[in-house]
C-alpha atoms as a PDB file:
ATOM      1  CA  MET A   1     -25.790  42.984 115.205  1.00  0.00           C
ATOM      2  CA  PRO A   2     -24.935  40.465 111.900  1.00  0.00           C
ATOM      3  CA  HIS A   3     -23.534  41.870 108.980  1.00  0.00           C
ATOM      4  CA  LEU A   4     -25.034  42.163 105.916  1.00  0.00           C
ATOM      5  CA  LEU A   5     -23.813  40.947 103.033  1.00  0.00           C
ATOM      6  CA  GLY A   6     -25.686  42.212 100.448  1.00  0.00           C
ATOM      7  CA  ALA A   7     -29.010  43.211 100.918  1.00  0.00           C
ATOM      8  CA  GLU A   8     -31.340  41.913  97.713  1.00  0.00           C
ATOM      9  CA  SER A   9     -30.388  40.339  94.623  1.00  0.00           C
ATOM     10  CA  PHE A  10     -33.019  39.895  91.839  1.00  0.00           C
ATOM     11  CA  VAL A  11     -32.972  38.024  88.408  1.00  0.00           C
ATOM     12  CA  SER A  12     -35.303  37.825  85.896  1.00  0.00           C
ATOM     13  CA  HIS A  13     -35.984  35.520  82.969  1.00  0.00           C
ATOM     14  CA  ALA A  14     -36.256  38.462  81.041  1.00  0.00           C
ATOM     15  CA  ARG A  15     -34.037  40.331  81.213  1.00  0.00           C
ATOM     16  CA  PRO A  16     -30.937  38.043  82.831  1.00  0.00           C
ATOM     17  CA  ASN A  17     -28.560  40.492  84.012  1.00  0.00           C
ATOM     18  CA  ILE A  18     -28.713  40.420  87.927  1.00  0.00           C
ATOM     19  CA  SER A  19     -29.996  44.044  89.425  1.00  0.00           C
ATOM     20  CA  LYS A  20     -28.424  44.657  92.822  1.00  0.00           C
ATOM     21  CA  ARG A  21     -29.610  47.086  94.664  1.00  0.00           C
ATOM     22  CA  CYS A  22     -30.036  47.550  98.743  1.00  0.00           C
ATOM     23  CA  SER A  23     -32.478  47.883 101.038  1.00  0.00           C
ATOM     24  CA  PRO A  24     -33.010  51.069 103.374  1.00  0.00           C
ATOM     25  CA  GLY A  25     -31.681  50.906 106.930  1.00  0.00           C
ATOM     26  CA  THR A  26     -29.862  47.717 106.952  1.00  0.00           C
ATOM     27  CA  GLY A  27     -27.331  49.781 108.163  1.00  0.00           C
ATOM     28  CA  GLY A  28     -23.281  48.305 106.994  1.00  0.00           C
ATOM     29  CA  ALA A  29     -24.865  47.046 104.117  1.00  0.00           C
ATOM     30  CA  LEU A  30     -22.689  45.474 101.701  1.00  0.00           C
ATOM     31  CA  ALA A  31     -23.635  46.644  97.991  1.00  0.00           C
ATOM     32  CA  TYR A  32     -23.527  43.787  95.329  1.00  0.00           C
ATOM     33  CA  ASN A  33     -21.579  45.859  92.835  1.00  0.00           C
ATOM     34  CA  ASP A  34     -18.552  45.902  96.019  1.00  0.00           C
ATOM     35  CA  VAL A  35     -18.694  42.735  96.521  1.00  0.00           C
ATOM     36  CA  ARG A  36     -17.929  41.291  93.211  1.00  0.00           C
ATOM     37  CA  ASN A  37     -15.260  43.104  93.129  1.00  0.00           C
ATOM     38  CA  VAL A  38     -13.467  41.550  96.441  1.00  0.00           C
ATOM     39  CA  ILE A  39     -14.283  37.730  95.379  1.00  0.00           C
ATOM     40  CA  SER A  40     -11.283  35.802  94.641  1.00  0.00           C
ATOM     41  CA  VAL A  41     -12.943  33.710  91.042  1.00  0.00           C
ATOM     42  CA  THR A  42     -11.374  30.528  91.107  1.00  0.00           C
ATOM     43  CA  ARG A  43     -10.412  29.733  87.835  1.00  0.00           C
ATOM     44  CA  ARG A  44     -10.539  25.713  86.043  1.00  0.00           C
ATOM     45  CA  GLY A  45      -7.880  23.886  87.562  1.00  0.00           C
ATOM     46  CA  ASP A  46      -7.492  25.542  90.410  1.00  0.00           C
ATOM     47  CA  CYS A  47      -7.979  23.645  93.956  1.00  0.00           C
ATOM     48  CA  PRO A  48      -9.053  26.572  96.578  1.00  0.00           C
ATOM     49  CA  PRO A  49      -8.076  26.289 100.396  1.00  0.00           C
ATOM     50  CA  ALA A  50     -10.608  24.871 103.180  1.00  0.00           C
ATOM     51  CA  MET A  51     -12.376  28.205 104.131  1.00  0.00           C
ATOM     52  CA  PRO A  52     -12.501  28.783 108.101  1.00  0.00           C
ATOM     53  CA  ILE A  53     -15.649  29.690 109.008  1.00  0.00           C
ATOM     54  CA  GLN A  54     -14.322  31.958 111.365  1.00  0.00           C
ATOM     55  CA  ASP A  55     -13.661  34.352 108.072  1.00  0.00           C
ATOM     56  CA  ARG A  56     -17.801  34.093 108.110  1.00  0.00           C
ATOM     57  CA  VAL A  57     -17.907  37.686 105.615  1.00  0.00           C
ATOM     58  CA  ALA A  58     -15.152  35.994 103.335  1.00  0.00           C
ATOM     59  CA  ALA A  59     -17.330  32.356 103.790  1.00  0.00           C
ATOM     60  CA  ALA A  60     -20.575  34.756 102.689  1.00  0.00           C
ATOM     61  CA  ARG A  61     -19.018  36.415  99.880  1.00  0.00           C
ATOM     62  CA  ARG A  62     -18.525  33.312  98.540  1.00  0.00           C
ATOM     63  CA  VAL A  63     -21.657  31.927  99.064  1.00  0.00           C
ATOM     64  CA  ASP A  64     -22.989  34.878  97.338  1.00  0.00           C
ATOM     65  CA  GLU A  65     -21.130  34.379  94.751  1.00  0.00           C
ATOM     66  CA  VAL A  66     -22.518  31.245  93.798  1.00  0.00           C
ATOM     67  CA  LEU A  67     -25.578  32.082  94.030  1.00  0.00           C
ATOM     68  CA  ARG A  68     -25.545  34.659  91.840  1.00  0.00           C
ATOM     69  CA  ASN A  69     -23.918  32.591  88.956  1.00  0.00           C
ATOM     70  CA  THR A  70     -26.678  29.929  89.754  1.00  0.00           C
ATOM     71  CA  ILE A  71     -29.731  31.898  89.852  1.00  0.00           C
ATOM     72  CA  GLN A  72     -28.455  33.701  86.931  1.00  0.00           C
ATOM     73  CA  MET A  73     -28.031  30.607  84.485  1.00  0.00           C
ATOM     74  CA  ALA A  74     -30.987  29.090  85.896  1.00  0.00           C
ATOM     75  CA  GLY A  75     -33.403  32.162  84.979  1.00  0.00           C
ATOM     76  CA  PHE A  76     -34.646  32.088  88.565  1.00  0.00           C
ATOM     77  CA  ARG A  77     -36.815  34.833  89.585  1.00  0.00           C
ATOM     78  CA  LEU A  78     -35.456  35.095  93.050  1.00  0.00           C
ATOM     79  CA  LYS A  79     -33.792  37.412  95.439  1.00  0.00           C
ATOM     80  CA  TYR A  80     -31.833  36.200  98.532  1.00  0.00           C
ATOM     81  CA  ARG A  81     -30.341  37.925 101.736  1.00  0.00           C
ATOM     82  CA  ILE A  82     -26.803  36.613 103.566  1.00  0.00           C
ATOM     83  CA  ARG A  83     -26.521  37.462 106.863  1.00  0.00           C
ATOM     84  CA  ALA A  84     -23.149  36.022 108.759  1.00  0.00           C
ATOM     85  CA  ASN A  85     -23.590  35.942 112.296  1.00  0.00           C
ATOM     86  CA  PRO A  86     -21.253  35.274 115.456  1.00  0.00           C
ATOM     87  CA  PRO A  87     -22.651  31.499 116.868  1.00  0.00           C
ATOM     88  CA  MET A  88     -25.151  31.518 119.597  1.00  0.00           C
ATOM     89  CA  ASN A  89     -26.520  29.019 121.910  1.00  0.00           C
ATOM     90  CA  THR A  90     -30.386  28.501 121.145  1.00  0.00           C
ATOM     91  CA  SER A  91     -33.067  25.789 122.434  1.00  0.00           C
ATOM     92  CA  ILE A  92     -31.938  23.291 119.408  1.00  0.00           C
ATOM     93  CA  GLY A  93     -28.269  24.248 119.439  1.00  0.00           C
ATOM     94  CA  GLU A  94     -25.873  26.403 117.911  1.00  0.00           C
ATOM     95  CA  SER A  95     -27.454  28.856 115.391  1.00  0.00           C
ATOM     96  CA  PRO A  96     -26.224  29.211 111.874  1.00  0.00           C
ATOM     97  CA  GLU A  97     -22.781  31.380 111.512  1.00  0.00           C
ATOM     98  CA  ILE A  98     -24.286  32.050 107.605  1.00  0.00           C
ATOM     99  CA  MET A  99     -28.200  32.254 106.699  1.00  0.00           C
ATOM    100  CA  VAL A 100     -29.559  32.771 103.484  1.00  0.00           C
ATOM    101  CA  GLU A 101     -33.249  34.105 102.975  1.00  0.00           C
ATOM    102  CA  PHE A 102     -34.840  33.182  99.567  1.00  0.00           C
ATOM    103  CA  ALA A 103     -38.272  35.033  98.364  1.00  0.00           C
ATOM    104  CA  GLY A 104     -39.650  35.952  95.017  1.00  0.00           C
ATOM    105  CA  PRO A 105     -41.733  34.932  92.660  1.00  0.00           C
ATOM    106  CA  ASP A 106     -39.961  31.448  91.732  1.00  0.00           C
ATOM    107  CA  SER A 107     -39.971  30.908  95.822  1.00  0.00           C
ATOM    108  CA  PRO A 108     -42.403  27.790  95.632  1.00  0.00           C
ATOM    109  CA  LEU A 109     -40.083  25.849  93.567  1.00  0.00           C
ATOM    110  CA  LEU A 110     -37.361  25.980  96.215  1.00  0.00           C
ATOM    111  CA  LEU A 111     -39.689  24.357  97.948  1.00  0.00           C
ATOM    112  CA  GLU A 112     -40.879  21.561  96.173  1.00  0.00           C
ATOM    113  CA  ARG A 113     -40.557  17.785  96.949  1.00  0.00           C
ATOM    114  CA  ASN A 114     -39.787  19.007 100.596  1.00  0.00           C
ATOM    115  CA  GLY A 115     -37.502  21.690  99.479  1.00  0.00           C
ATOM    116  CA  GLU A 116     -35.298  19.595  97.663  1.00  0.00           C
ATOM    117  CA  LEU A 117     -33.966  22.596  95.376  1.00  0.00           C
ATOM    118  CA  LEU A 118     -33.746  24.480  99.013  1.00  0.00           C
ATOM    119  CA  ARG A 119     -31.398  21.682 100.291  1.00  0.00           C
ATOM    120  CA  ALA A 120     -29.506  21.397  97.181  1.00  0.00           C
ATOM    121  CA  LEU A 121     -28.456  24.949  96.797  1.00  0.00           C
ATOM    122  CA  GLU A 122     -27.466  24.567 100.440  1.00  0.00           C
ATOM    123  CA  HIS A 123     -25.183  21.060  99.649  1.00  0.00           C
ATOM    124  CA  VAL A 124     -23.476  22.738  96.598  1.00  0.00           C
ATOM    125  CA  SER A 125     -22.560  26.404  99.057  1.00  0.00           C
ATOM    126  CA  LEU A 126     -21.411  23.825 101.654  1.00  0.00           C
ATOM    127  CA  LYS A 127     -19.304  21.712  99.255  1.00  0.00           C
ATOM    128  CA  VAL A 128     -17.513  25.722  98.012  1.00  0.00           C
ATOM    129  CA  LEU A 129     -16.910  26.497 101.341  1.00  0.00           C
ATOM    130  CA  ARG A 130     -15.189  22.836 102.123  1.00  0.00           C
ATOM    131  CA  LEU A 131     -17.402  22.179 105.229  1.00  0.00           C
ATOM    132  CA  GLU A 132     -16.753  18.594 107.001  1.00  0.00           C
ATOM    133  CA  SER A 133     -20.726  17.008 107.624  1.00  0.00           C
ATOM    134  CA  GLU A 134     -20.726  17.752 111.157  1.00  0.00           C
ATOM    135  CA  GLU A 135     -20.136  21.148 110.266  1.00  0.00           C
ATOM    136  CA  HIS A 136     -23.039  21.869 108.322  1.00  0.00           C
ATOM    137  CA  ASP A 137     -25.285  23.180 110.345  1.00  0.00           C
ATOM    138  CA  LYS A 138     -22.795  26.356 109.950  1.00  0.00           C
ATOM    139  CA  LEU A 139     -24.687  27.209 106.769  1.00  0.00           C
ATOM    140  CA  SER A 140     -28.589  27.138 106.749  1.00  0.00           C
ATOM    141  CA  PHE A 141     -30.171  28.192 103.614  1.00  0.00           C
ATOM    142  CA  ASP A 142     -34.612  29.192 104.607  1.00  0.00           C
ATOM    143  CA  CYS A 143     -37.717  30.181 102.646  1.00  0.00           C
ATOM    144  CA  MET A 144     -40.929  31.335 103.649  1.00  0.00           C
ATOM    145  CA  ASN A 145     -40.203  30.061 106.584  1.00  0.00           C
ATOM    146  CA  PHE A 146     -39.520  26.525 105.612  1.00  0.00           C
ATOM    147  CA  LYS A 147     -36.420  25.119 108.230  1.00  0.00           C
ATOM    148  CA  THR A 148     -39.241  26.617 111.006  1.00  0.00           C
ATOM    149  CA  LEU A 149     -42.263  24.470 110.076  1.00  0.00           C
ATOM    150  CA  ARG A 150     -39.780  21.867 109.778  1.00  0.00           C
ATOM    151  CA  ALA A 151     -38.560  22.024 112.868  1.00  0.00           C
ATOM    152  CA  GLN A 152     -41.631  22.157 114.657  1.00  0.00           C
ATOM    153  CA  GLU A 153     -42.530  18.825 112.504  1.00  0.00           C
ATOM    154  CA  LEU A 154     -39.728  17.338 113.926  1.00  0.00           C
ATOM    155  CA  LYS A 155     -40.529  18.208 117.727  1.00  0.00           C
ATOM    156  CA  LEU A 156     -43.814  16.621 116.725  1.00  0.00           C
ATOM    157  CA  ALA A 157     -42.078  13.424 114.960  1.00  0.00           C
ATOM    158  CA  ALA A 158     -40.117  13.118 118.109  1.00  0.00           C
ATOM    159  CA  GLU A 159     -43.438  12.767 120.324  1.00  0.00           C
ATOM    160  CA  VAL A 160     -45.059  10.361 117.924  1.00  0.00           C
ATOM    161  CA  ALA A 161     -42.433   8.145 118.385  1.00  0.00           C
ATOM    162  CA  ALA A 162     -41.688   8.493 122.157  1.00  0.00           C
ATOM    163  CA  GLU A 163     -44.955   6.951 122.310  1.00  0.00           C
ATOM    164  CA  ARG A 164     -44.796   4.132 119.193  1.00  0.00           C
ATOM    165  CA  VAL A 165     -41.182   3.367 121.447  1.00  0.00           C
ATOM    166  CA  ARG A 166     -43.128   2.812 124.797  1.00  0.00           C
ATOM    167  CA  LYS A 167     -46.050   0.881 123.966  1.00  0.00           C
ATOM    168  CA  THR A 168     -44.192  -1.453 121.203  1.00  0.00           C
ATOM    169  CA  GLY A 169     -40.940  -1.214 123.625  1.00  0.00           C
ATOM    170  CA  GLN A 170     -38.630  -1.536 120.005  1.00  0.00           C
ATOM    171  CA  PRO A 171     -36.431   1.085 118.834  1.00  0.00           C
ATOM    172  CA  TYR A 172     -37.858   3.295 115.883  1.00  0.00           C
ATOM    173  CA  GLN A 173     -35.573   4.896 112.877  1.00  0.00           C
ATOM    174  CA  PHE A 174     -36.337   8.189 111.890  1.00  0.00           C
ATOM    175  CA  ALA A 175     -35.319   8.809 107.754  1.00  0.00           C
ATOM    176  CA  PRO A 176     -31.840   9.755 107.413  1.00  0.00           C
ATOM    177  CA  MET A 177     -31.389  13.419 107.680  1.00  0.00           C
ATOM    178  CA  SER A 178     -28.917  16.634 108.067  1.00  0.00           C
ATOM    179  CA  ALA A 179     -26.653  17.251 110.836  1.00  0.00           C
ATOM    180  CA  ARG A 180     -29.214  19.478 112.357  1.00  0.00           C
ATOM    181  CA  GLU A 181     -32.134  18.286 112.471  1.00  0.00           C
ATOM    182  CA  ARG A 182     -30.682  14.734 113.807  1.00  0.00           C
ATOM    183  CA  ARG A 183     -29.609  17.739 116.596  1.00  0.00           C
ATOM    184  CA  MET A 184     -33.228  18.596 116.642  1.00  0.00           C
ATOM    185  CA  VAL A 185     -34.988  15.234 117.149  1.00  0.00           C
ATOM    186  CA  HIS A 186     -31.997  14.147 120.040  1.00  0.00           C
ATOM    187  CA  LEU A 187     -32.913  18.295 121.854  1.00  0.00           C
ATOM    188  CA  ALA A 188     -36.588  17.082 121.403  1.00  0.00           C
ATOM    189  CA  MET A 189     -36.415  13.942 123.074  1.00  0.00           C
ATOM    190  CA  ARG A 190     -34.171  15.055 125.968  1.00  0.00           C
ATOM    191  CA  ASP A 191     -37.059  15.200 128.170  1.00  0.00           C
ATOM    192  CA  HIS A 192     -37.891  11.455 127.848  1.00  0.00           C
ATOM    193  CA  ALA A 193     -36.147  10.224 130.952  1.00  0.00           C
ATOM    194  CA  ASP A 194     -36.958   6.514 129.845  1.00  0.00           C
ATOM    195  CA  LEU A 195     -35.980   6.662 126.246  1.00  0.00           C
ATOM    196  CA  ARG A 196     -32.811   7.132 124.816  1.00  0.00           C
ATOM    197  CA  THR A 197     -31.612   8.436 121.128  1.00  0.00           C
ATOM    198  CA  GLU A 198     -28.435   7.563 119.371  1.00  0.00           C
ATOM    199  CA  SER A 199     -26.892   8.646 115.916  1.00  0.00           C
ATOM    200  CA  SER A 200     -27.164   5.520 113.130  1.00  0.00           C
ATOM    201  CA  GLY A 201     -25.059   5.174 110.008  1.00  0.00           C
ATOM    202  CA  GLU A 202     -22.632   7.170 107.852  1.00  0.00           C
ATOM    203  CA  ALA A 203     -22.663  10.292 106.119  1.00  0.00           C
ATOM    204  CA  GLU A 204     -25.583  10.501 104.299  1.00  0.00           C
ATOM    205  CA  ARG A 205     -27.942   7.780 105.499  1.00  0.00           C
ATOM    206  CA  ARG A 206     -27.506   9.036 109.103  1.00  0.00           C
ATOM    207  CA  SER A 207     -30.633   9.045 110.689  1.00  0.00           C
ATOM    208  CA  VAL A 208     -31.455   8.939 114.654  1.00  0.00           C
ATOM    209  CA  VAL A 209     -33.192   5.991 116.264  1.00  0.00           C
ATOM    210  CA  VAL A 210     -34.915   5.727 118.959  1.00  0.00           C
ATOM    211  CA  TYR A 211     -34.633   3.216 122.107  1.00  0.00           C
ATOM    212  CA  PRO A 212     -36.342   2.188 124.786  1.00  0.00           C
ATOM    213  CA  LYS A 213     -33.382   3.273 127.700  1.00  0.00           C
ATOM    214  CA  ASP A 214     -32.856  -0.162 128.954  1.00  0.00           C
ATOM    215  CA  TYR A 215     -33.196  -1.586 125.637  1.00  0.00           C
ATOM    216  CA  ASN A 216     -30.289  -4.489 124.652  1.00  0.00           C
ATOM    217  CA  GLY A 217     -31.182  -5.664 121.673  1.00  0.00           C
ATOM    218  CA  ALA A 218     -29.730  -5.481 117.740  1.00  0.00           C
ATOM    219  CA  ALA A 219     -30.092  -2.191 116.188  1.00  0.00           C
ATOM    220  CA  PRO A 220     -32.421  -0.968 113.328  1.00  0.00           C
ATOM    221  CA  VAL A 221     -30.755  -1.771 109.908  1.00  0.00           C
ATOM    222  CA  PRO A 222     -29.823   1.855 108.440  1.00  0.00           C
ATOM    223  CA  MET A 223     -32.502   3.078 105.718  1.00  0.00           C
ATOM    224  CA  MET A 224     -31.965   4.825 102.727  1.00  0.00           C
ATOM    225  CA  ARG A 225     -32.411   8.662 102.727  1.00  0.00           C
ATOM    226  CA  GLY A 226     -36.402   8.807 101.147  1.00  0.00           C
ATOM    227  CA  ARG A 227     -37.707   5.653 102.348  1.00  0.00           C
ATOM    228  CA  GLY A 228     -38.378   6.479 106.271  1.00  0.00           C
ATOM    229  CA  ARG A 229     -41.475   5.950 108.311  1.00  0.00           C
ATOM    230  CA  ARG A 230     -44.334   8.549 107.971  1.00  0.00           C
END
């Protein structure tokens, strides 16, 4: 059973104070008032130690603190649920150890521009937890099944890329994406014995390139984020 950090947090424009409540049937749910009392506050000038992901509950509490402060200051009408789970192997690799699910009237705002705000909140939380880039898939934010739909989109894009590489004999480069999304593409391509995939680029410009299996030509020039092929 996953550990549920807090059931819901709701912020209203008219009432900026966070209303905290626990949904029925959540078992070991920890009320937000209790969470707030145990979260350590980092004062200006402090340098917090790196958070080991093994301490999932403590990491989830840090994410909760960031989200409560951000949502309250921005006045978003959002609620969220944080779950801390042990990693499990799935068809797309290990599942996230900390999962945050958003809901509420302002949910569509999170998903505008291909989930730009949702990804930004996730990015801020990753920085707070001080996770290295290869550990970014340990934390995942979702809203209205956006990540599930994105996984289906990537699987379809992988099939289209495979056919294109077969027809042209040239490598195909995806737009830069997160480590978790790159893993999805690699796994989606693993059954194509006549093709191979590699990751190319650095940091935010890292992407997946699909090659014919025996291709020996030059690799594509890494793309900037947001300028990938459609």
